Amino acid sequence: MAKHNILGKTGELLAAEYLENEGYQVLDRNWRCGHKELDIVARKGNTLVFVEVKTRGGTRFGCPEDAVDSRKIFRTVCAADAYIRLNCLDMDVRFDIVTIVDNDGRMAVEHIADAFFPPMECR
């Protein structure tokens, strides 16, 4: 496996552990339905939280959360819509980002709650 793939998998594992330590129940990791994909689906209270995980080897090329552009937001929201419909869920929904940055072997975790809001509709 390529080094960046290993870093990404490590980041997703750290993000899930972080969320669990913060009282979230992780329901799914790397959920897929066709071309739709969600990194982490978690629950806290009556809120369903869709978490985009961004892992980087440093911040030389910018902050990891900057990679969550309007196209990625649209795809994440459409995947969340599919998840909700397939599982027949009726809960409050939130979209978060968890960033993981490797600072010389020390992984820094940042959780951005309500990182973005869904566009008006999915196609």
C-alpha atoms as a PDB file:
ATOM      1  CA  MET A   1       0.000   0.000   0.000  1.00  0.00           C
ATOM      2  CA  ALA A   2       1.305   3.466  -0.879  1.00  0.00           C
ATOM      3  CA  LYS A   3       2.512   5.716   1.945  1.00  0.00           C
ATOM      4  CA  HIS A   4      -0.307   8.253   1.443  1.00  0.00           C
ATOM      5  CA  ASN A   5      -2.910   5.449   1.590  1.00  0.00           C
ATOM      6  CA  ILE A   6      -1.447   4.207   4.872  1.00  0.00           C
ATOM      7  CA  LEU A   7      -1.521   7.769   6.244  1.00  0.00           C
ATOM      8  CA  GLY A   8      -5.169   8.119   5.182  1.00  0.00           C
ATOM      9  CA  LYS A   9      -6.219   4.828   6.813  1.00  0.00           C
ATOM     10  CA  THR A  10      -4.328   5.780   9.974  1.00  0.00           C
ATOM     11  CA  GLY A  11      -6.116   9.145   9.991  1.00  0.00           C
ATOM     12  CA  GLU A  12      -9.533   7.551   9.668  1.00  0.00           C
ATOM     13  CA  LEU A  13      -8.752   5.170  12.526  1.00  0.00           C
ATOM     14  CA  LEU A  14      -7.549   8.043  14.741  1.00  0.00           C
ATOM     15  CA  ALA A  15     -10.630  10.100  13.854  1.00  0.00           C
ATOM     16  CA  ALA A  16     -12.970   7.239  14.804  1.00  0.00           C
ATOM     17  CA  GLU A  17     -11.118   6.700  18.094  1.00  0.00           C
ATOM     18  CA  TYR A  18     -11.219  10.431  18.822  1.00  0.00           C
ATOM     19  CA  LEU A  19     -14.978  10.587  18.203  1.00  0.00           C
ATOM     20  CA  GLU A  20     -15.619   7.555  20.407  1.00  0.00           C
ATOM     21  CA  ASN A  21     -13.558   9.147  23.193  1.00  0.00           C
ATOM     22  CA  GLU A  22     -15.736  12.260  22.837  1.00  0.00           C
ATOM     23  CA  GLY A  23     -18.920  10.257  23.365  1.00  0.00           C
ATOM     24  CA  TYR A  24     -19.932   9.566  19.763  1.00  0.00           C
ATOM     25  CA  GLN A  25     -21.158   6.160  18.672  1.00  0.00           C
ATOM     26  CA  VAL A  26     -19.492   5.304  15.364  1.00  0.00           C
ATOM     27  CA  LEU A  27     -22.132   3.596  13.224  1.00  0.00           C
ATOM     28  CA  ASP A  28     -20.193   3.143   9.988  1.00  0.00           C
ATOM     29  CA  ARG A  29     -16.734   3.703   8.559  1.00  0.00           C
ATOM     30  CA  ASN A  30     -16.016   3.934   4.835  1.00  0.00           C
ATOM     31  CA  TRP A  31     -19.691   3.440   3.984  1.00  0.00           C
ATOM     32  CA  ARG A  32     -20.307   3.020   0.260  1.00  0.00           C
ATOM     33  CA  CYS A  33     -23.357   2.846  -1.964  1.00  0.00           C
ATOM     34  CA  GLY A  34     -22.492   2.827  -5.647  1.00  0.00           C
ATOM     35  CA  HIS A  35     -20.230   5.823  -6.185  1.00  0.00           C
ATOM     36  CA  LYS A  36     -21.327   7.464  -2.939  1.00  0.00           C
ATOM     37  CA  GLU A  37     -18.916   7.302   0.006  1.00  0.00           C
ATOM     38  CA  LEU A  38     -18.879   8.513   3.609  1.00  0.00           C
ATOM     39  CA  ASP A  39     -15.761   8.397   5.794  1.00  0.00           C
ATOM     40  CA  ILE A  40     -17.496   8.127   9.173  1.00  0.00           C
ATOM     41  CA  VAL A  41     -21.136   8.084  10.211  1.00  0.00           C
ATOM     42  CA  ALA A  42     -21.593   8.668  13.929  1.00  0.00           C
ATOM     43  CA  ARG A  43     -24.329   9.413  16.391  1.00  0.00           C
ATOM     44  CA  LYS A  44     -24.351  11.648  19.421  1.00  0.00           C
ATOM     45  CA  GLY A  45     -27.672  11.869  21.214  1.00  0.00           C
ATOM     46  CA  ASN A  46     -30.365  12.306  18.574  1.00  0.00           C
ATOM     47  CA  THR A  47     -27.957  13.776  16.029  1.00  0.00           C
ATOM     48  CA  LEU A  48     -26.579  11.832  13.095  1.00  0.00           C
ATOM     49  CA  VAL A  49     -23.122  13.163  12.259  1.00  0.00           C
ATOM     50  CA  PHE A  50     -21.481  12.664   8.880  1.00  0.00           C
ATOM     51  CA  VAL A  51     -17.746  13.158   9.259  1.00  0.00           C
ATOM     52  CA  GLU A  52     -15.317  13.897   6.458  1.00  0.00           C
ATOM     53  CA  VAL A  53     -11.771  12.951   7.492  1.00  0.00           C
ATOM     54  CA  LYS A  54      -8.793  14.742   5.972  1.00  0.00           C
ATOM     55  CA  THR A  55      -5.296  13.547   6.837  1.00  0.00           C
ATOM     56  CA  ARG A  56      -2.085  15.273   5.807  1.00  0.00           C
ATOM     57  CA  GLY A  57       1.615  14.741   6.375  1.00  0.00           C
ATOM     58  CA  GLY A  58       1.984  18.428   7.263  1.00  0.00           C
ATOM     59  CA  THR A  59       0.541  21.838   6.453  1.00  0.00           C
ATOM     60  CA  ARG A  60       3.116  22.893   3.877  1.00  0.00           C
ATOM     61  CA  PHE A  61       0.441  22.877   1.174  1.00  0.00           C
ATOM     62  CA  GLY A  62      -2.369  24.274   3.330  1.00  0.00           C
ATOM     63  CA  CYS A  63      -4.784  23.095   5.973  1.00  0.00           C
ATOM     64  CA  PRO A  64      -6.503  19.731   5.416  1.00  0.00           C
ATOM     65  CA  GLU A  65      -9.991  21.206   5.755  1.00  0.00           C
ATOM     66  CA  ASP A  66      -9.320  23.407   2.722  1.00  0.00           C
ATOM     67  CA  ALA A  67      -9.588  20.249   0.594  1.00  0.00           C
ATOM     68  CA  VAL A  68     -13.306  20.072   1.405  1.00  0.00           C
ATOM     69  CA  ASP A  69     -14.478  22.189  -1.497  1.00  0.00           C
ATOM     70  CA  SER A  70     -18.013  22.752  -2.833  1.00  0.00           C
ATOM     71  CA  ARG A  71     -17.801  19.639  -5.031  1.00  0.00           C
ATOM     72  CA  LYS A  72     -16.791  17.446  -2.064  1.00  0.00           C
ATOM     73  CA  ILE A  73     -19.540  18.986   0.071  1.00  0.00           C
ATOM     74  CA  PHE A  74     -22.129  18.234  -2.609  1.00  0.00           C
ATOM     75  CA  ARG A  75     -20.973  14.603  -2.937  1.00  0.00           C
ATOM     76  CA  THR A  76     -20.920  14.123   0.853  1.00  0.00           C
ATOM     77  CA  VAL A  77     -24.415  15.549   1.261  1.00  0.00           C
ATOM     78  CA  CYS A  78     -25.770  13.326  -1.521  1.00  0.00           C
ATOM     79  CA  ALA A  79     -24.157  10.284   0.101  1.00  0.00           C
ATOM     80  CA  ALA A  80     -25.656  11.301   3.461  1.00  0.00           C
ATOM     81  CA  ASP A  81     -29.072  11.590   1.831  1.00  0.00           C
ATOM     82  CA  ALA A  82     -28.699   8.054   0.437  1.00  0.00           C
ATOM     83  CA  TYR A  83     -27.593   6.756   3.871  1.00  0.00           C
ATOM     84  CA  ILE A  84     -30.603   8.334   5.586  1.00  0.00           C
ATOM     85  CA  ARG A  85     -33.056   7.001   2.990  1.00  0.00           C
ATOM     86  CA  LEU A  86     -31.602   3.465   2.933  1.00  0.00           C
ATOM     87  CA  ASN A  87     -31.685   3.249   6.726  1.00  0.00           C
ATOM     88  CA  CYS A  88     -35.085   4.997   7.089  1.00  0.00           C
ATOM     89  CA  LEU A  89     -33.700   7.449   9.645  1.00  0.00           C
ATOM     90  CA  ASP A  90     -35.444  10.490  11.090  1.00  0.00           C
ATOM     91  CA  MET A  91     -32.863  12.412  13.109  1.00  0.00           C
ATOM     92  CA  ASP A  92     -31.163  15.760  13.243  1.00  0.00           C
ATOM     93  CA  VAL A  93     -28.170  15.800  10.899  1.00  0.00           C
ATOM     94  CA  ARG A  94     -24.817  17.541  11.102  1.00  0.00           C
ATOM     95  CA  PHE A  95     -21.748  17.619   8.852  1.00  0.00           C
ATOM     96  CA  ASP A  96     -18.341  17.715  10.552  1.00  0.00           C
ATOM     97  CA  ILE A  97     -14.721  17.555   9.471  1.00  0.00           C
ATOM     98  CA  VAL A  98     -11.974  15.865  11.458  1.00  0.00           C
ATOM     99  CA  THR A  99      -8.459  16.778  10.398  1.00  0.00           C
ATOM    100  CA  ILE A 100      -5.349  14.801  11.228  1.00  0.00           C
ATOM    101  CA  VAL A 101      -1.931  16.372  10.667  1.00  0.00           C
ATOM    102  CA  ASP A 102       1.311  14.471  11.156  1.00  0.00           C
ATOM    103  CA  ASN A 103       3.719  16.817  12.924  1.00  0.00           C
ATOM    104  CA  ASP A 104       6.966  14.831  12.904  1.00  0.00           C
ATOM    105  CA  GLY A 105       5.278  11.652  14.136  1.00  0.00           C
ATOM    106  CA  ARG A 106       2.854  13.413  16.489  1.00  0.00           C
ATOM    107  CA  MET A 107      -0.674  13.274  15.085  1.00  0.00           C
ATOM    108  CA  ALA A 108      -2.686  16.426  15.767  1.00  0.00           C
ATOM    109  CA  VAL A 109      -6.466  15.938  15.674  1.00  0.00           C
ATOM    110  CA  GLU A 110      -8.906  18.791  15.143  1.00  0.00           C
ATOM    111  CA  HIS A 111     -12.686  18.389  15.121  1.00  0.00           C
ATOM    112  CA  ILE A 112     -14.706  21.015  13.269  1.00  0.00           C
ATOM    113  CA  ALA A 113     -18.376  20.595  14.195  1.00  0.00           C
ATOM    114  CA  ASP A 114     -20.983  22.019  11.790  1.00  0.00           C
ATOM    115  CA  ALA A 115     -18.187  22.456   9.259  1.00  0.00           C
ATOM    116  CA  PHE A 116     -20.601  22.965   6.389  1.00  0.00           C
ATOM    117  CA  PHE A 117     -24.283  23.022   5.555  1.00  0.00           C
ATOM    118  CA  PRO A 118     -25.958  21.064   2.757  1.00  0.00           C
ATOM    119  CA  PRO A 119     -26.822  22.702  -0.557  1.00  0.00           C
ATOM    120  CA  MET A 120     -30.507  22.897  -1.417  1.00  0.00           C
ATOM    121  CA  GLU A 121     -30.817  19.565  -3.262  1.00  0.00           C
ATOM    122  CA  CYS A 122     -28.973  16.509  -4.535  1.00  0.00           C
ATOM    123  CA  ARG A 123     -29.218  15.098  -8.019  1.00  0.00           C
END
